Amino acid sequence: MVMQADRLTTVEMRLAEQERTIEELSAQLAEQWKVVARMQKKLDTLTERFLAVEEQVAPDIPVTKPPHW
């Protein structure tokens, strides 16, 4: 009976450790999603700025068919 109690205590301790680890990993994952969202927003902003600058410096070239068409 004592052996079963020891085994049960060991299982409970491991379960508690796993629950703590899962909570820590979940918190880290949530923080990483925040970082990814901020980076995506910055990338979107930079992309818009790049396209705006590209439009300003690009020459106005009319779209025509090449002579071989």
N, C-alpha and C. Protein backbone atom coordinates (compact mmCIF):
# COMPACT_ATOMS: atom_id res chain seq x y z
N MET A 1 0.82 -1.19 0.00
CA MET A 1 0.00 0.00 0.00
C MET A 1 0.86 1.26 0.00
N VAL A 2 1.98 1.22 0.74
CA VAL A 2 2.89 2.36 0.79
C VAL A 2 3.51 2.60 -0.58
N MET A 3 3.81 1.53 -1.29
CA MET A 3 4.42 1.65 -2.60
C MET A 3 3.47 2.33 -3.58
N GLN A 4 2.18 2.01 -3.49
CA GLN A 4 1.21 2.64 -4.37
C GLN A 4 1.07 4.12 -4.05
N ALA A 5 1.11 4.46 -2.79
CA ALA A 5 1.02 5.86 -2.38
C ALA A 5 2.23 6.63 -2.90
N ASP A 6 3.41 6.03 -2.84
CA ASP A 6 4.62 6.66 -3.36
C ASP A 6 4.51 6.86 -4.88
N ARG A 7 4.00 5.85 -5.56
CA ARG A 7 3.84 5.96 -7.01
C ARG A 7 2.83 7.06 -7.35
N LEU A 8 1.75 7.12 -6.60
CA LEU A 8 0.73 8.13 -6.84
C LEU A 8 1.31 9.54 -6.59
N THR A 9 2.08 9.67 -5.53
CA THR A 9 2.71 10.95 -5.23
C THR A 9 3.67 11.35 -6.35
N THR A 10 4.43 10.39 -6.86
CA THR A 10 5.37 10.65 -7.95
C THR A 10 4.61 11.10 -9.20
N VAL A 11 3.53 10.42 -9.52
CA VAL A 11 2.72 10.78 -10.69
C VAL A 11 2.13 12.18 -10.51
N GLU A 12 1.63 12.49 -9.33
CA GLU A 12 1.07 13.81 -9.06
C GLU A 12 2.12 14.90 -9.20
N MET A 13 3.33 14.63 -8.72
CA MET A 13 4.41 15.61 -8.83
C MET A 13 4.78 15.84 -10.30
N ARG A 14 4.87 14.77 -11.05
CA ARG A 14 5.18 14.91 -12.48
C ARG A 14 4.09 15.67 -13.21
N LEU A 15 2.85 15.38 -12.88
CA LEU A 15 1.73 16.07 -13.49
C LEU A 15 1.79 17.57 -13.18
N ALA A 16 2.08 17.90 -11.94
CA ALA A 16 2.20 19.31 -11.56
C ALA A 16 3.33 20.00 -12.32
N GLU A 17 4.45 19.31 -12.48
CA GLU A 17 5.57 19.87 -13.24
C GLU A 17 5.18 20.06 -14.71
N GLN A 18 4.47 19.10 -15.27
CA GLN A 18 4.05 19.21 -16.67
C GLN A 18 3.05 20.35 -16.85
N GLU A 19 2.13 20.50 -15.91
CA GLU A 19 1.17 21.60 -15.99
C GLU A 19 1.89 22.95 -15.94
N ARG A 20 2.88 23.07 -15.07
CA ARG A 20 3.66 24.31 -14.98
C ARG A 20 4.42 24.56 -16.27
N THR A 21 5.01 23.53 -16.82
CA THR A 21 5.75 23.67 -18.07
C THR A 21 4.82 24.09 -19.21
N ILE A 22 3.66 23.49 -19.27
CA ILE A 22 2.69 23.83 -20.32
C ILE A 22 2.26 25.29 -20.18
N GLU A 23 2.02 25.74 -18.97
CA GLU A 23 1.64 27.13 -18.74
C GLU A 23 2.75 28.09 -19.17
N GLU A 24 4.00 27.74 -18.85
CA GLU A 24 5.14 28.57 -19.25
C GLU A 24 5.27 28.62 -20.77
N LEU A 25 5.14 27.47 -21.42
CA LEU A 25 5.24 27.42 -22.88
C LEU A 25 4.09 28.19 -23.53
N SER A 26 2.92 28.09 -22.95
CA SER A 26 1.77 28.82 -23.49
C SER A 26 2.00 30.33 -23.39
N ALA A 27 2.54 30.78 -22.28
CA ALA A 27 2.83 32.21 -22.11
C ALA A 27 3.89 32.66 -23.10
N GLN A 28 4.92 31.85 -23.30
CA GLN A 28 5.97 32.19 -24.26
C GLN A 28 5.40 32.24 -25.68
N LEU A 29 4.54 31.30 -26.01
CA LEU A 29 3.94 31.27 -27.33
C LEU A 29 3.06 32.51 -27.55
N ALA A 30 2.30 32.88 -26.54
CA ALA A 30 1.46 34.08 -26.65
C ALA A 30 2.34 35.32 -26.88
N GLU A 31 3.46 35.40 -26.18
CA GLU A 31 4.36 36.54 -26.36
C GLU A 31 4.96 36.54 -27.77
N GLN A 32 5.31 35.38 -28.27
CA GLN A 32 5.88 35.29 -29.61
C GLN A 32 4.85 35.71 -30.66
N TRP A 33 3.58 35.37 -30.47
CA TRP A 33 2.55 35.80 -31.40
C TRP A 33 2.43 37.32 -31.41
N LYS A 34 2.60 37.94 -30.24
CA LYS A 34 2.57 39.40 -30.18
C LYS A 34 3.73 39.99 -30.98
N VAL A 35 4.90 39.39 -30.83
CA VAL A 35 6.08 39.85 -31.57
C VAL A 35 5.85 39.70 -33.07
N VAL A 36 5.33 38.55 -33.48
CA VAL A 36 5.07 38.30 -34.89
C VAL A 36 4.06 39.32 -35.44
N ALA A 37 3.03 39.61 -34.66
CA ALA A 37 2.02 40.58 -35.10
C ALA A 37 2.64 41.97 -35.27
N ARG A 38 3.51 42.37 -34.33
CA ARG A 38 4.19 43.67 -34.46
C ARG A 38 5.09 43.70 -35.68
N MET A 39 5.81 42.62 -35.90
CA MET A 39 6.71 42.56 -37.06
C MET A 39 5.91 42.59 -38.36
N GLN A 40 4.78 41.91 -38.40
CA GLN A 40 3.94 41.91 -39.61
C GLN A 40 3.43 43.31 -39.89
N LYS A 41 3.03 44.02 -38.84
CA LYS A 41 2.54 45.39 -39.01
C LYS A 41 3.66 46.29 -39.55
N LYS A 42 4.87 46.12 -39.01
CA LYS A 42 6.00 46.92 -39.50
C LYS A 42 6.32 46.57 -40.95
N LEU A 43 6.27 45.29 -41.28
CA LEU A 43 6.54 44.87 -42.65
C LEU A 43 5.51 45.46 -43.61
N ASP A 44 4.25 45.42 -43.21
CA ASP A 44 3.20 46.00 -44.05
C ASP A 44 3.43 47.50 -44.27
N THR A 45 3.80 48.20 -43.21
CA THR A 45 4.07 49.64 -43.31
C THR A 45 5.25 49.90 -44.23
N LEU A 46 6.32 49.14 -44.05
CA LEU A 46 7.50 49.33 -44.90
C LEU A 46 7.21 48.98 -46.36
N THR A 47 6.40 47.97 -46.59
CA THR A 47 6.03 47.61 -47.95
C THR A 47 5.26 48.74 -48.61
N GLU A 48 4.30 49.31 -47.87
CA GLU A 48 3.54 50.43 -48.42
C GLU A 48 4.46 51.61 -48.73
N ARG A 49 5.38 51.91 -47.82
CA ARG A 49 6.30 53.03 -48.05
C ARG A 49 7.19 52.76 -49.26
N PHE A 50 7.69 51.53 -49.38
CA PHE A 50 8.54 51.18 -50.50
C PHE A 50 7.80 51.34 -51.82
N LEU A 51 6.56 50.84 -51.86
CA LEU A 51 5.78 50.95 -53.09
C LEU A 51 5.49 52.41 -53.44
N ALA A 52 5.26 53.23 -52.44
CA ALA A 52 5.01 54.65 -52.68
C ALA A 52 6.26 55.31 -53.25
N VAL A 53 7.41 55.02 -52.69
CA VAL A 53 8.67 55.59 -53.19
C VAL A 53 8.95 55.07 -54.59
N GLU A 54 8.71 53.79 -54.81
CA GLU A 54 8.94 53.21 -56.13
C GLU A 54 8.07 53.89 -57.18
N GLU A 55 6.84 54.19 -56.85
CA GLU A 55 5.95 54.88 -57.79
C GLU A 55 6.47 56.28 -58.11
N GLN A 56 7.05 56.94 -57.11
CA GLN A 56 7.53 58.31 -57.31
C GLN A 56 8.76 58.35 -58.21
N VAL A 57 9.62 57.36 -58.10
CA VAL A 57 10.88 57.40 -58.86
C VAL A 57 10.80 56.66 -60.18
N ALA A 58 9.78 55.84 -60.37
CA ALA A 58 9.66 55.08 -61.61
C ALA A 58 9.24 56.01 -62.75
N PRO A 59 9.89 55.89 -63.90
CA PRO A 59 9.49 56.73 -65.03
C PRO A 59 8.13 56.27 -65.55
N ASP A 60 7.43 57.21 -66.15
CA ASP A 60 6.13 56.88 -66.74
C ASP A 60 6.35 56.23 -68.10
N ILE A 61 6.40 54.93 -68.09
CA ILE A 61 6.60 54.17 -69.32
C ILE A 61 5.25 53.62 -69.75
N PRO A 62 4.80 53.99 -70.93
CA PRO A 62 3.51 53.46 -71.38
C PRO A 62 3.60 51.96 -71.64
N VAL A 63 2.54 51.29 -71.35
CA VAL A 63 2.49 49.85 -71.59
C VAL A 63 2.10 49.64 -73.04
N THR A 64 3.04 49.09 -73.81
CA THR A 64 2.79 48.82 -75.23
C THR A 64 3.24 47.40 -75.53
N LYS A 65 2.72 46.90 -76.63
CA LYS A 65 3.15 45.57 -77.05
C LYS A 65 4.53 45.66 -77.67
N PRO A 66 5.36 44.67 -77.43
CA PRO A 66 6.68 44.66 -78.08
C PRO A 66 6.50 44.58 -79.60
N PRO A 67 7.50 45.05 -80.33
CA PRO A 67 7.38 45.08 -81.80
C PRO A 67 7.16 43.71 -82.44
N HIS A 68 7.60 42.66 -81.80
CA HIS A 68 7.47 41.33 -82.41
C HIS A 68 6.08 40.73 -82.22
N TRP A 69 5.14 41.43 -81.60
CA TRP A 69 3.79 40.92 -81.41
C TRP A 69 2.98 41.35 -82.54
